[in-house]
Amino acid sequence: MKQKIGGGEYNSDGVKIGEWIEQSDKFKYGNQSTWRGQYDQQGVKVGTWEIYFRELGDEKPNIKIGGGEYDEQVRKIGKWVEQKDGFYYSNSMNNKYIFIGEYKDGVKQGQWKDNKLK
């Protein structure tokens, strides 16, 4: 089974529009994570963006592990589930941690919990 692992559409000005799948900033050998969401006609992230992960060598489809919502000013709002810095998986090391918490106007609020993915 083939699945789309990245990409999207550009408008005539080279601006991202519509649905996109993007590699995470830390995409590498042990962190095969992607972001999925929408860009508006001006190339601005809008609405819900989700994080997906697949373990290296796993033939199963990517699983949703996080994400959250952007407001009209591209600020994170509401509940978010994010990858912890150093999120990584290999046969000898499992450092798959996520943070769960709230944003208000793009600023983290209150206490954030960290959980280890199994």
PDB file of N, CA and C in Angstrom:
ATOM      1  N   MET A   1       0.836  -1.172   0.000  1.00  0.00           N
ATOM      2  CA  MET A   1       0.000   0.000   0.000  1.00  0.00           C
ATOM      3  C   MET A   1       0.890   1.247   0.000  1.00  0.00           C
ATOM      4  N   LYS A   2       0.645   2.138  -0.941  1.00  0.00           N
ATOM      5  CA  LYS A   2       1.387   3.387  -0.996  1.00  0.00           C
ATOM      6  C   LYS A   2       0.585   4.466  -0.296  1.00  0.00           C
ATOM      7  N   GLN A   3       1.292   5.344   0.397  1.00  0.00           N
ATOM      8  CA  GLN A   3       0.616   6.466   1.018  1.00  0.00           C
ATOM      9  C   GLN A   3       1.411   7.728   0.737  1.00  0.00           C
ATOM     10  N   LYS A   4       0.708   8.832   0.659  1.00  0.00           N
ATOM     11  CA  LYS A   4       1.343  10.115   0.419  1.00  0.00           C
ATOM     12  C   LYS A   4       2.136  10.494   1.658  1.00  0.00           C
ATOM     13  N   ILE A   5       3.423  10.818   1.479  1.00  0.00           N
ATOM     14  CA  ILE A   5       4.261  11.137   2.627  1.00  0.00           C
ATOM     15  C   ILE A   5       4.659  12.603   2.682  1.00  0.00           C
ATOM     16  N   GLY A   6       4.287  13.375   1.674  1.00  0.00           N
ATOM     17  CA  GLY A   6       4.624  14.792   1.712  1.00  0.00           C
ATOM     18  C   GLY A   6       4.166  15.523   0.480  1.00  0.00           C
ATOM     19  N   GLY A   7       4.158  16.848   0.604  1.00  0.00           N
ATOM     20  CA  GLY A   7       3.857  17.690  -0.536  1.00  0.00           C
ATOM     21  C   GLY A   7       2.529  18.391  -0.437  1.00  0.00           C
ATOM     22  N   GLY A   8       2.251  19.159  -1.489  1.00  0.00           N
ATOM     23  CA  GLY A   8       1.031  19.938  -1.575  1.00  0.00           C
ATOM     24  C   GLY A   8       1.053  20.771  -2.835  1.00  0.00           C
ATOM     25  N   GLU A   9       0.266  21.828  -2.855  1.00  0.00           N
ATOM     26  CA  GLU A   9       0.110  22.654  -4.055  1.00  0.00           C
ATOM     27  C   GLU A   9       0.605  24.076  -3.803  1.00  0.00           C
ATOM     28  N   TYR A  10       1.244  24.645  -4.832  1.00  0.00           N
ATOM     29  CA  TYR A  10       1.643  26.051  -4.826  1.00  0.00           C
ATOM     30  C   TYR A  10       0.752  26.822  -5.790  1.00  0.00           C
ATOM     31  N   ASN A  11       0.474  28.093  -5.476  1.00  0.00           N
ATOM     32  CA  ASN A  11      -0.250  28.918  -6.438  1.00  0.00           C
ATOM     33  C   ASN A  11       0.739  29.496  -7.451  1.00  0.00           C
ATOM     34  N   SER A  12       0.280  30.329  -8.366  1.00  0.00           N
ATOM     35  CA  SER A  12       1.141  30.859  -9.431  1.00  0.00           C
ATOM     36  C   SER A  12       2.241  31.778  -8.902  1.00  0.00           C
ATOM     37  N   ASP A  13       2.098  32.257  -7.661  1.00  0.00           N
ATOM     38  CA  ASP A  13       3.133  33.093  -7.043  1.00  0.00           C
ATOM     39  C   ASP A  13       4.112  32.281  -6.203  1.00  0.00           C
ATOM     40  N   GLY A  14       3.971  30.953  -6.216  1.00  0.00           N
ATOM     41  CA  GLY A  14       4.860  30.096  -5.437  1.00  0.00           C
ATOM     42  C   GLY A  14       4.506  30.017  -3.968  1.00  0.00           C
ATOM     43  N   VAL A  15       3.264  30.332  -3.622  1.00  0.00           N
ATOM     44  CA  VAL A  15       2.793  30.310  -2.234  1.00  0.00           C
ATOM     45  C   VAL A  15       2.051  29.000  -1.975  1.00  0.00           C
ATOM     46  N   LYS A  16       2.345  28.371  -0.833  1.00  0.00           N
ATOM     47  CA  LYS A  16       1.643  27.138  -0.466  1.00  0.00           C
ATOM     48  C   LYS A  16       0.168  27.433  -0.241  1.00  0.00           C
ATOM     49  N   ILE A  17      -0.691  26.576  -0.812  1.00  0.00           N
ATOM     50  CA  ILE A  17      -2.137  26.707  -0.614  1.00  0.00           C
ATOM     51  C   ILE A  17      -2.747  25.326  -0.432  1.00  0.00           C
ATOM     52  N   GLY A  18      -3.912  25.280   0.214  1.00  0.00           N
ATOM     53  CA  GLY A  18      -4.634  24.022   0.359  1.00  0.00           C
ATOM     54  C   GLY A  18      -3.975  23.053   1.320  1.00  0.00           C
ATOM     55  N   GLU A  19      -4.293  21.779   1.128  1.00  0.00           N
ATOM     56  CA  GLU A  19      -3.811  20.722   2.028  1.00  0.00           C
ATOM     57  C   GLU A  19      -2.341  20.404   1.758  1.00  0.00           C
ATOM     58  N   TRP A  20      -1.584  20.270   2.858  1.00  0.00           N
ATOM     59  CA  TRP A  20      -0.159  19.948   2.765  1.00  0.00           C
ATOM     60  C   TRP A  20       0.207  18.872   3.771  1.00  0.00           C
ATOM     61  N   ILE A  21       1.209  18.073   3.403  1.00  0.00           N
ATOM     62  CA  ILE A  21       1.901  17.175   4.330  1.00  0.00           C
ATOM     63  C   ILE A  21       3.357  17.608   4.301  1.00  0.00           C
ATOM     64  N   GLU A  22       3.890  17.953   5.474  1.00  0.00           N
ATOM     65  CA  GLU A  22       5.256  18.460   5.565  1.00  0.00           C
ATOM     66  C   GLU A  22       6.063  17.641   6.562  1.00  0.00           C
ATOM     67  N   GLN A  23       7.338  17.451   6.268  1.00  0.00           N
ATOM     68  CA  GLN A  23       8.217  16.789   7.219  1.00  0.00           C
ATOM     69  C   GLN A  23       8.425  17.709   8.409  1.00  0.00           C
ATOM     70  N   SER A  24       8.546  17.106   9.598  1.00  0.00           N
ATOM     71  CA  SER A  24       8.816  17.918  10.781  1.00  0.00           C
ATOM     72  C   SER A  24      10.198  18.551  10.638  1.00  0.00           C
ATOM     73  N   ASP A  25      10.425  19.628  11.397  1.00  0.00           N
ATOM     74  CA  ASP A  25      11.722  20.307  11.352  1.00  0.00           C
ATOM     75  C   ASP A  25      12.865  19.377  11.726  1.00  0.00           C
ATOM     76  N   LYS A  26      12.569  18.370  12.521  1.00  0.00           N
ATOM     77  CA  LYS A  26      13.608  17.446  12.988  1.00  0.00           C
ATOM     78  C   LYS A  26      13.503  16.085  12.311  1.00  0.00           C
ATOM     79  N   PHE A  27      12.909  16.039  11.119  1.00  0.00           N
ATOM     80  CA  PHE A  27      12.751  14.783  10.377  1.00  0.00           C
ATOM     81  C   PHE A  27      14.129  14.194  10.117  1.00  0.00           C
ATOM     82  N   LYS A  28      14.323  12.937  10.511  1.00  0.00           N
ATOM     83  CA  LYS A  28      15.601  12.255  10.306  1.00  0.00           C
ATOM     84  C   LYS A  28      15.378  10.763  10.448  1.00  0.00           C
ATOM     85  N   TYR A  29      16.462  10.034  10.458  1.00  0.00           N
ATOM     86  CA  TYR A  29      16.444   8.578  10.491  1.00  0.00           C
ATOM     87  C   TYR A  29      15.495   8.027  11.555  1.00  0.00           C
ATOM     88  N   GLY A  30      15.582   8.497  12.780  1.00  0.00           N
ATOM     89  CA  GLY A  30      14.767   7.952  13.863  1.00  0.00           C
ATOM     90  C   GLY A  30      13.553   8.783  14.216  1.00  0.00           C
ATOM     91  N   ASN A  31      13.294   9.821  13.445  1.00  0.00           N
ATOM     92  CA  ASN A  31      12.124  10.661  13.711  1.00  0.00           C
ATOM     93  C   ASN A  31      11.411  10.919  12.393  1.00  0.00           C
ATOM     94  N   GLN A  32      10.606   9.970  11.982  1.00  0.00           N
ATOM     95  CA  GLN A  32       9.882  10.070  10.717  1.00  0.00           C
ATOM     96  C   GLN A  32       8.506  10.676  10.976  1.00  0.00           C
ATOM     97  N   SER A  33       8.503  11.952  11.367  1.00  0.00           N
ATOM     98  CA  SER A  33       7.267  12.647  11.714  1.00  0.00           C
ATOM     99  C   SER A  33       6.887  13.639  10.627  1.00  0.00           C
ATOM    100  N   THR A  34       5.585  13.753  10.395  1.00  0.00           N
ATOM    101  CA  THR A  34       5.080  14.714   9.420  1.00  0.00           C
ATOM    102  C   THR A  34       3.943  15.519  10.030  1.00  0.00           C
ATOM    103  N   TRP A  35       3.740  16.706   9.481  1.00  0.00           N
ATOM    104  CA  TRP A  35       2.629  17.583   9.847  1.00  0.00           C
ATOM    105  C   TRP A  35       1.641  17.596   8.701  1.00  0.00           C
ATOM    106  N   ARG A  36       0.342  17.568   9.012  1.00  0.00           N
ATOM    107  CA  ARG A  36      -0.706  17.637   7.986  1.00  0.00           C
ATOM    108  C   ARG A  36      -1.683  18.742   8.348  1.00  0.00           C
ATOM    109  N   GLY A  37      -1.946  19.616   7.370  1.00  0.00           N
ATOM    110  CA  GLY A  37      -2.886  20.703   7.606  1.00  0.00           C
ATOM    111  C   GLY A  37      -3.124  21.522   6.358  1.00  0.00           C
ATOM    112  N   GLN A  38      -3.760  22.675   6.552  1.00  0.00           N
ATOM    113  CA  GLN A  38      -4.189  23.535   5.449  1.00  0.00           C
ATOM    114  C   GLN A  38      -3.478  24.886   5.479  1.00  0.00           C
ATOM    115  N   TYR A  39      -3.224  25.397   4.272  1.00  0.00           N
ATOM    116  CA  TYR A  39      -2.792  26.777   4.077  1.00  0.00           C
ATOM    117  C   TYR A  39      -3.916  27.523   3.374  1.00  0.00           C
ATOM    118  N   ASP A  40      -4.119  28.787   3.768  1.00  0.00           N
ATOM    119  CA  ASP A  40      -5.124  29.585   3.068  1.00  0.00           C
ATOM    120  C   ASP A  40      -4.539  30.145   1.766  1.00  0.00           C
ATOM    121  N   GLN A  41      -5.273  30.991   1.072  1.00  0.00           N
ATOM    122  CA  GLN A  41      -4.845  31.515  -0.229  1.00  0.00           C
ATOM    123  C   GLN A  41      -3.641  32.453  -0.128  1.00  0.00           C
ATOM    124  N   GLN A  42      -3.337  32.934   1.081  1.00  0.00           N
ATOM    125  CA  GLN A  42      -2.159  33.781   1.284  1.00  0.00           C
ATOM    126  C   GLN A  42      -0.958  32.985   1.797  1.00  0.00           C
ATOM    127  N   GLY A  43      -1.092  31.662   1.897  1.00  0.00           N
ATOM    128  CA  GLY A  43       0.008  30.828   2.365  1.00  0.00           C
ATOM    129  C   GLY A  43       0.166  30.804   3.868  1.00  0.00           C
ATOM    130  N   VAL A  44      -0.915  31.049   4.593  1.00  0.00           N
ATOM    131  CA  VAL A  44      -0.898  31.087   6.051  1.00  0.00           C
ATOM    132  C   VAL A  44      -1.531  29.810   6.597  1.00  0.00           C
ATOM    133  N   LYS A  45      -0.860  29.200   7.596  1.00  0.00           N
ATOM    134  CA  LYS A  45      -1.440  28.014   8.239  1.00  0.00           C
ATOM    135  C   LYS A  45      -2.768  28.388   8.881  1.00  0.00           C
ATOM    136  N   VAL A  46      -3.778  27.546   8.660  1.00  0.00           N
ATOM    137  CA  VAL A  46      -5.098  27.789   9.240  1.00  0.00           C
ATOM    138  C   VAL A  46      -5.660  26.498   9.818  1.00  0.00           C
ATOM    139  N   GLY A  47      -6.516  26.656  10.834  1.00  0.00           N
ATOM    140  CA  GLY A  47      -7.245  25.513  11.368  1.00  0.00           C
ATOM    141  C   GLY A  47      -6.374  24.478  12.046  1.00  0.00           C
ATOM    142  N   THR A  48      -6.798  23.237  11.915  1.00  0.00           N
ATOM    143  CA  THR A  48      -6.160  22.118  12.606  1.00  0.00           C
ATOM    144  C   THR A  48      -4.952  21.600  11.835  1.00  0.00           C
ATOM    145  N   TRP A  49      -3.844  21.420  12.556  1.00  0.00           N
ATOM    146  CA  TRP A  49      -2.655  20.756  12.022  1.00  0.00           C
ATOM    147  C   TRP A  49      -2.382  19.549  12.911  1.00  0.00           C
ATOM    148  N   GLU A  50      -2.080  18.405  12.281  1.00  0.00           N
ATOM    149  CA  GLU A  50      -1.878  17.154  13.014  1.00  0.00           C
ATOM    150  C   GLU A  50      -0.464  16.633  12.781  1.00  0.00           C
ATOM    151  N   ILE A  51       0.073  15.968  13.810  1.00  0.00           N
ATOM    152  CA  ILE A  51       1.397  15.347  13.722  1.00  0.00           C
ATOM    153  C   ILE A  51       1.207  13.845  13.571  1.00  0.00           C
ATOM    154  N   TYR A  52       1.897  13.261  12.599  1.00  0.00           N
ATOM    155  CA  TYR A  52       1.863  11.820  12.364  1.00  0.00           C
ATOM    156  C   TYR A  52       3.271  11.260  12.479  1.00  0.00           C
ATOM    157  N   PHE A  53       3.358   9.994  12.915  1.00  0.00           N
ATOM    158  CA  PHE A  53       4.649   9.341  13.123  1.00  0.00           C
ATOM    159  C   PHE A  53       4.576   7.902  12.648  1.00  0.00           C
ATOM    160  N   ARG A  54       5.681   7.436  12.094  1.00  0.00           N
ATOM    161  CA  ARG A  54       5.814   6.023  11.741  1.00  0.00           C
ATOM    162  C   ARG A  54       7.203   5.582  12.155  1.00  0.00           C
ATOM    163  N   GLU A  55       7.266   4.440  12.836  1.00  0.00           N
ATOM    164  CA  GLU A  55       8.558   3.914  13.242  1.00  0.00           C
ATOM    165  C   GLU A  55       9.325   3.454  12.018  1.00  0.00           C
ATOM    166  N   LEU A  56      10.615   3.650  12.073  1.00  0.00           N
ATOM    167  CA  LEU A  56      11.496   3.297  10.976  1.00  0.00           C
ATOM    168  C   LEU A  56      11.319   1.835  10.589  1.00  0.00           C
ATOM    169  N   GLY A  57      11.103   1.577   9.314  1.00  0.00           N
ATOM    170  CA  GLY A  57      10.958   0.220   8.816  1.00  0.00           C
ATOM    171  C   GLY A  57       9.574  -0.365   8.981  1.00  0.00           C
ATOM    172  N   ASP A  58       8.683   0.361   9.651  1.00  0.00           N
ATOM    173  CA  ASP A  58       7.321  -0.123   9.863  1.00  0.00           C
ATOM    174  C   ASP A  58       6.512   0.093   8.588  1.00  0.00           C
ATOM    175  N   GLU A  59       5.830  -0.937   8.133  1.00  0.00           N
ATOM    176  CA  GLU A  59       5.031  -0.839   6.914  1.00  0.00           C
ATOM    177  C   GLU A  59       3.607  -0.346   7.177  1.00  0.00           C
ATOM    178  N   LYS A  60       3.238  -0.234   8.447  1.00  0.00           N
ATOM    179  CA  LYS A  60       1.900   0.254   8.780  1.00  0.00           C
ATOM    180  C   LYS A  60       1.792   1.744   8.449  1.00  0.00           C
ATOM    181  N   PRO A  61       0.562   2.230   8.227  1.00  0.00           N
ATOM    182  CA  PRO A  61       0.384   3.669   7.976  1.00  0.00           C
ATOM    183  C   PRO A  61       0.835   4.497   9.177  1.00  0.00           C
ATOM    184  N   ASN A  62       1.163   5.747   8.920  1.00  0.00           N
ATOM    185  CA  ASN A  62       1.527   6.661   9.995  1.00  0.00           C
ATOM    186  C   ASN A  62       0.376   6.771  10.990  1.00  0.00           C
ATOM    187  N   ILE A  63       0.727   6.948  12.269  1.00  0.00           N
ATOM    188  CA  ILE A  63      -0.298   7.121  13.294  1.00  0.00           C
ATOM    189  C   ILE A  63      -0.296   8.571  13.781  1.00  0.00           C
ATOM    190  N   LYS A  64      -1.477   9.073  14.087  1.00  0.00           N
ATOM    191  CA  LYS A  64      -1.587  10.435  14.604  1.00  0.00           C
ATOM    192  C   LYS A  64      -1.116  10.445  16.050  1.00  0.00           C
ATOM    193  N   ILE A  65      -0.155  11.338  16.357  1.00  0.00           N
ATOM    194  CA  ILE A  65       0.357  11.426  17.719  1.00  0.00           C
ATOM    195  C   ILE A  65       0.143  12.794  18.344  1.00  0.00           C
ATOM    196  N   GLY A  66      -0.344  13.759  17.574  1.00  0.00           N
ATOM    197  CA  GLY A  66      -0.515  15.081  18.162  1.00  0.00           C
ATOM    198  C   GLY A  66      -1.052  16.098  17.192  1.00  0.00           C
ATOM    199  N   GLY A  67      -0.901  17.352  17.607  1.00  0.00           N
ATOM    200  CA  GLY A  67      -1.354  18.468  16.797  1.00  0.00           C
ATOM    201  C   GLY A  67      -2.187  19.435  17.606  1.00  0.00           C
ATOM    202  N   GLY A  68      -2.804  20.370  16.886  1.00  0.00           N
ATOM    203  CA  GLY A  68      -3.636  21.374  17.520  1.00  0.00           C
ATOM    204  C   GLY A  68      -4.174  22.357  16.503  1.00  0.00           C
ATOM    205  N   GLU A  69      -4.618  23.498  17.008  1.00  0.00           N
ATOM    206  CA  GLU A  69      -5.350  24.475  16.195  1.00  0.00           C
ATOM    207  C   GLU A  69      -4.602  25.808  16.136  1.00  0.00           C
ATOM    208  N   TYR A  70      -4.648  26.440  14.955  1.00  0.00           N
ATOM    209  CA  TYR A  70      -4.141  27.799  14.769  1.00  0.00           C
ATOM    210  C   TYR A  70      -5.310  28.765  14.629  1.00  0.00           C
ATOM    211  N   ASP A  71      -5.137  29.992  15.173  1.00  0.00           N
ATOM    212  CA  ASP A  71      -6.163  31.019  14.974  1.00  0.00           C
ATOM    213  C   ASP A  71      -5.851  31.832  13.715  1.00  0.00           C
ATOM    214  N   GLU A  72      -6.605  32.906  13.482  1.00  0.00           N
ATOM    215  CA  GLU A  72      -6.459  33.714  12.266  1.00  0.00           C
ATOM    216  C   GLU A  72      -5.114  34.430  12.200  1.00  0.00           C
ATOM    217  N   GLN A  73      -4.458  34.626  13.341  1.00  0.00           N
ATOM    218  CA  GLN A  73      -3.143  35.274  13.371  1.00  0.00           C
ATOM    219  C   GLN A  73      -2.006  34.245  13.410  1.00  0.00           C
ATOM    220  N   VAL A  74      -2.314  32.997  13.085  1.00  0.00           N
ATOM    221  CA  VAL A  74      -1.357  31.880  13.057  1.00  0.00           C
ATOM    222  C   VAL A  74      -0.735  31.657  14.433  1.00  0.00           C
ATOM    223  N   ARG A  75      -1.525  31.874  15.469  1.00  0.00           N
ATOM    224  CA  ARG A  75      -1.089  31.592  16.834  1.00  0.00           C
ATOM    225  C   ARG A  75      -1.725  30.289  17.279  1.00  0.00           C
ATOM    226  N   LYS A  76      -0.957  29.493  18.011  1.00  0.00           N
ATOM    227  CA  LYS A  76      -1.507  28.254  18.556  1.00  0.00           C
ATOM    228  C   LYS A  76      -2.532  28.606  19.624  1.00  0.00           C
ATOM    229  N   ILE A  77      -3.660  27.871  19.587  1.00  0.00           N
ATOM    230  CA  ILE A  77      -4.719  28.099  20.572  1.00  0.00           C
ATOM    231  C   ILE A  77      -5.268  26.759  21.048  1.00  0.00           C
ATOM    232  N   GLY A  78      -5.795  26.751  22.275  1.00  0.00           N
ATOM    233  CA  GLY A  78      -6.439  25.553  22.797  1.00  0.00           C
ATOM    234  C   GLY A  78      -5.457  24.437  23.102  1.00  0.00           C
ATOM    235  N   LYS A  79      -5.992  23.223  23.165  1.00  0.00           N
ATOM    236  CA  LYS A  79      -5.188  22.048  23.513  1.00  0.00           C
ATOM    237  C   LYS A  79      -4.255  21.684  22.363  1.00  0.00           C
ATOM    238  N   TRP A  80      -2.989  21.425  22.718  1.00  0.00           N
ATOM    239  CA  TRP A  80      -1.996  20.958  21.751  1.00  0.00           C
ATOM    240  C   TRP A  80      -1.282  19.737  22.318  1.00  0.00           C
ATOM    241  N   VAL A  81      -0.919  18.836  21.419  1.00  0.00           N
ATOM    242  CA  VAL A  81      -0.054  17.701  21.741  1.00  0.00           C
ATOM    243  C   VAL A  81       1.148  17.836  20.818  1.00  0.00           C
ATOM    244  N   GLU A  82       2.340  18.016  21.415  1.00  0.00           N
ATOM    245  CA  GLU A  82       3.555  18.290  20.649  1.00  0.00           C
ATOM    246  C   GLU A  82       4.644  17.277  20.968  1.00  0.00           C
ATOM    247  N   GLN A  83       5.546  17.094  20.016  1.00  0.00           N
ATOM    248  CA  GLN A  83       6.700  16.242  20.260  1.00  0.00           C
ATOM    249  C   GLN A  83       7.684  16.977  21.164  1.00  0.00           C
ATOM    250  N   LYS A  84       8.239  16.247  22.108  1.00  0.00           N
ATOM    251  CA  LYS A  84       9.273  16.801  22.968  1.00  0.00           C
ATOM    252  C   LYS A  84      10.568  16.894  22.170  1.00  0.00           C
ATOM    253  N   ASP A  85      11.403  17.908  22.468  1.00  0.00           N
ATOM    254  CA  ASP A  85      12.718  17.981  21.829  1.00  0.00           C
ATOM    255  C   ASP A  85      13.452  16.671  22.061  1.00  0.00           C
ATOM    256  N   GLY A  86      14.105  16.168  21.040  1.00  0.00           N
ATOM    257  CA  GLY A  86      14.811  14.903  21.138  1.00  0.00           C
ATOM    258  C   GLY A  86      13.952  13.695  20.839  1.00  0.00           C
ATOM    259  N   PHE A  87      12.698  13.908  20.381  1.00  0.00           N
ATOM    260  CA  PHE A  87      11.815  12.800  20.001  1.00  0.00           C
ATOM    261  C   PHE A  87      12.559  11.935  18.993  1.00  0.00           C
ATOM    262  N   TYR A  88      12.724  10.635  19.310  1.00  0.00           N
ATOM    263  CA  TYR A  88      13.552   9.764  18.478  1.00  0.00           C
ATOM    264  C   TYR A  88      13.193   8.315  18.758  1.00  0.00           C
ATOM    265  N   TYR A  89      13.315   7.481  17.731  1.00  0.00           N
ATOM    266  CA  TYR A  89      13.108   6.048  17.917  1.00  0.00           C
ATOM    267  C   TYR A  89      14.125   5.272  17.096  1.00  0.00           C
ATOM    268  N   SER A  90      14.698   4.257  17.705  1.00  0.00           N
ATOM    269  CA  SER A  90      15.531   3.283  16.995  1.00  0.00           C
ATOM    270  C   SER A  90      15.389   1.960  17.739  1.00  0.00           C
ATOM    271  N   ASN A  91      15.990   0.913  17.210  1.00  0.00           N
ATOM    272  CA  ASN A  91      15.902  -0.394  17.875  1.00  0.00           C
ATOM    273  C   ASN A  91      16.508  -0.369  19.269  1.00  0.00           C
ATOM    274  N   SER A  92      17.503   0.492  19.494  1.00  0.00           N
ATOM    275  CA  SER A  92      18.184   0.503  20.784  1.00  0.00           C
ATOM    276  C   SER A  92      17.748   1.656  21.692  1.00  0.00           C
ATOM    277  N   MET A  93      16.983   2.596  21.171  1.00  0.00           N
ATOM    278  CA  MET A  93      16.614   3.751  21.980  1.00  0.00           C
ATOM    279  C   MET A  93      15.171   4.160  21.693  1.00  0.00           C
ATOM    280  N   ASN A  94      14.421   4.400  22.755  1.00  0.00           N
ATOM    281  CA  ASN A  94      13.045   4.845  22.592  1.00  0.00           C
ATOM    282  C   ASN A  94      12.866   6.132  23.384  1.00  0.00           C
ATOM    283  N   ASN A  95      12.933   7.240  22.699  1.00  0.00           N
ATOM    284  CA  ASN A  95      12.767   8.542  23.327  1.00  0.00           C
ATOM    285  C   ASN A  95      11.571   9.249  22.691  1.00  0.00           C
ATOM    286  N   LYS A  96      10.431   8.551  22.655  1.00  0.00           N
ATOM    287  CA  LYS A  96       9.224   9.074  22.015  1.00  0.00           C
ATOM    288  C   LYS A  96       8.331   9.715  23.076  1.00  0.00           C
ATOM    289  N   TYR A  97       8.627  10.964  23.404  1.00  0.00           N
ATOM    290  CA  TYR A  97       7.846  11.692  24.394  1.00  0.00           C
ATOM    291  C   TYR A  97       7.058  12.809  23.732  1.00  0.00           C
ATOM    292  N   ILE A  98       5.856  13.018  24.234  1.00  0.00           N
ATOM    293  CA  ILE A  98       5.023  14.120  23.771  1.00  0.00           C
ATOM    294  C   ILE A  98       4.633  14.983  24.964  1.00  0.00           C
ATOM    295  N   PHE A  99       4.383  16.261  24.705  1.00  0.00           N
ATOM    296  CA  PHE A  99       3.873  17.199  25.699  1.00  0.00           C
ATOM    297  C   PHE A  99       2.413  17.481  25.398  1.00  0.00           C
ATOM    298  N   ILE A 100       1.603  17.580  26.446  1.00  0.00           N
ATOM    299  CA  ILE A 100       0.180  17.887  26.300  1.00  0.00           C
ATOM    300  C   ILE A 100      -0.136  19.099  27.166  1.00  0.00           C
ATOM    301  N   GLY A 101      -0.716  20.119  26.537  1.00  0.00           N
ATOM    302  CA  GLY A 101      -1.053  21.319  27.287  1.00  0.00           C
ATOM    303  C   GLY A 101      -1.885  22.292  26.479  1.00  0.00           C
ATOM    304  N   GLU A 102      -2.014  23.493  27.016  1.00  0.00           N
ATOM    305  CA  GLU A 102      -2.884  24.520  26.429  1.00  0.00           C
ATOM    306  C   GLU A 102      -2.076  25.733  25.974  1.00  0.00           C
ATOM    307  N   TYR A 103      -2.548  26.313  24.870  1.00  0.00           N
ATOM    308  CA  TYR A 103      -2.043  27.594  24.378  1.00  0.00           C
ATOM    309  C   TYR A 103      -3.161  28.622  24.427  1.00  0.00           C
ATOM    310  N   LYS A 104      -2.777  29.865  24.704  1.00  0.00           N
ATOM    311  CA  LYS A 104      -3.703  30.990  24.572  1.00  0.00           C
ATOM    312  C   LYS A 104      -2.957  32.089  23.824  1.00  0.00           C
ATOM    313  N   ASP A 105      -3.491  32.485  22.687  1.00  0.00           N
ATOM    314  CA  ASP A 105      -2.870  33.527  21.857  1.00  0.00           C
ATOM    315  C   ASP A 105      -1.408  33.219  21.550  1.00  0.00           C
ATOM    316  N   GLY A 106      -1.097  31.939  21.305  1.00  0.00           N
ATOM    317  CA  GLY A 106       0.255  31.532  20.926  1.00  0.00           C
ATOM    318  C   GLY A 106       1.222  31.334  22.074  1.00  0.00           C
ATOM    319  N   VAL A 107       0.751  31.466  23.318  1.00  0.00           N
ATOM    320  CA  VAL A 107       1.614  31.343  24.495  1.00  0.00           C
ATOM    321  C   VAL A 107       1.178  30.136  25.319  1.00  0.00           C
ATOM    322  N   LYS A 108       2.157  29.303  25.716  1.00  0.00           N
ATOM    323  CA  LYS A 108       1.843  28.150  26.564  1.00  0.00           C
ATOM    324  C   LYS A 108       1.267  28.630  27.888  1.00  0.00           C
ATOM    325  N   GLN A 109       0.258  27.900  28.373  1.00  0.00           N
ATOM    326  CA  GLN A 109      -0.426  28.250  29.611  1.00  0.00           C
ATOM    327  C   GLN A 109      -0.370  27.083  30.592  1.00  0.00           C
ATOM    328  N   GLY A 110      -0.268  27.402  31.878  1.00  0.00           N
ATOM    329  CA  GLY A 110      -0.406  26.388  32.918  1.00  0.00           C
ATOM    330  C   GLY A 110       0.623  25.275  32.853  1.00  0.00           C
ATOM    331  N   GLN A 111       0.213  24.141  33.394  1.00  0.00           N
ATOM    332  CA  GLN A 111       1.094  22.983  33.488  1.00  0.00           C
ATOM    333  C   GLN A 111       0.962  22.111  32.246  1.00  0.00           C
ATOM    334  N   TRP A 112       2.095  21.643  31.751  1.00  0.00           N
ATOM    335  CA  TRP A 112       2.129  20.724  30.609  1.00  0.00           C
ATOM    336  C   TRP A 112       2.570  19.358  31.112  1.00  0.00           C
ATOM    337  N   LYS A 113       1.918  18.311  30.607  1.00  0.00           N
ATOM    338  CA  LYS A 113       2.277  16.938  30.985  1.00  0.00           C
ATOM    339  C   LYS A 113       3.102  16.327  29.864  1.00  0.00           C
ATOM    340  N   ASP A 114       4.070  15.490  30.252  1.00  0.00           N
ATOM    341  CA  ASP A 114       4.775  14.734  29.219  1.00  0.00           C
ATOM    342  C   ASP A 114       4.423  13.263  29.350  1.00  0.00           C
ATOM    343  N   ASN A 115       4.218  12.623  28.221  1.00  0.00           N
ATOM    344  CA  ASN A 115       3.859  11.209  28.142  1.00  0.00           C
ATOM    345  C   ASN A 115       4.789  10.513  27.168  1.00  0.00           C
ATOM    346  N   LYS A 116       5.053   9.256  27.440  1.00  0.00           N
ATOM    347  CA  LYS A 116       5.872   8.452  26.536  1.00  0.00           C
ATOM    348  C   LYS A 116       4.949   7.631  25.644  1.00  0.00           C
ATOM    349  N   LEU A 117       5.184   7.696  24.332  1.00  0.00           N
ATOM    350  CA  LEU A 117       4.426   6.857  23.406  1.00  0.00           C
ATOM    351  C   LEU A 117       4.923   5.433  23.506  1.00  0.00           C
ATOM    352  N   LYS A 118       4.017   4.488  23.333  1.00  0.00           N
ATOM    353  CA  LYS A 118       4.417   3.076  23.396  1.00  0.00           C
ATOM    354  C   LYS A 118       4.614   2.533  22.021  1.00  0.00           C
TER     355      LYS A 118
END
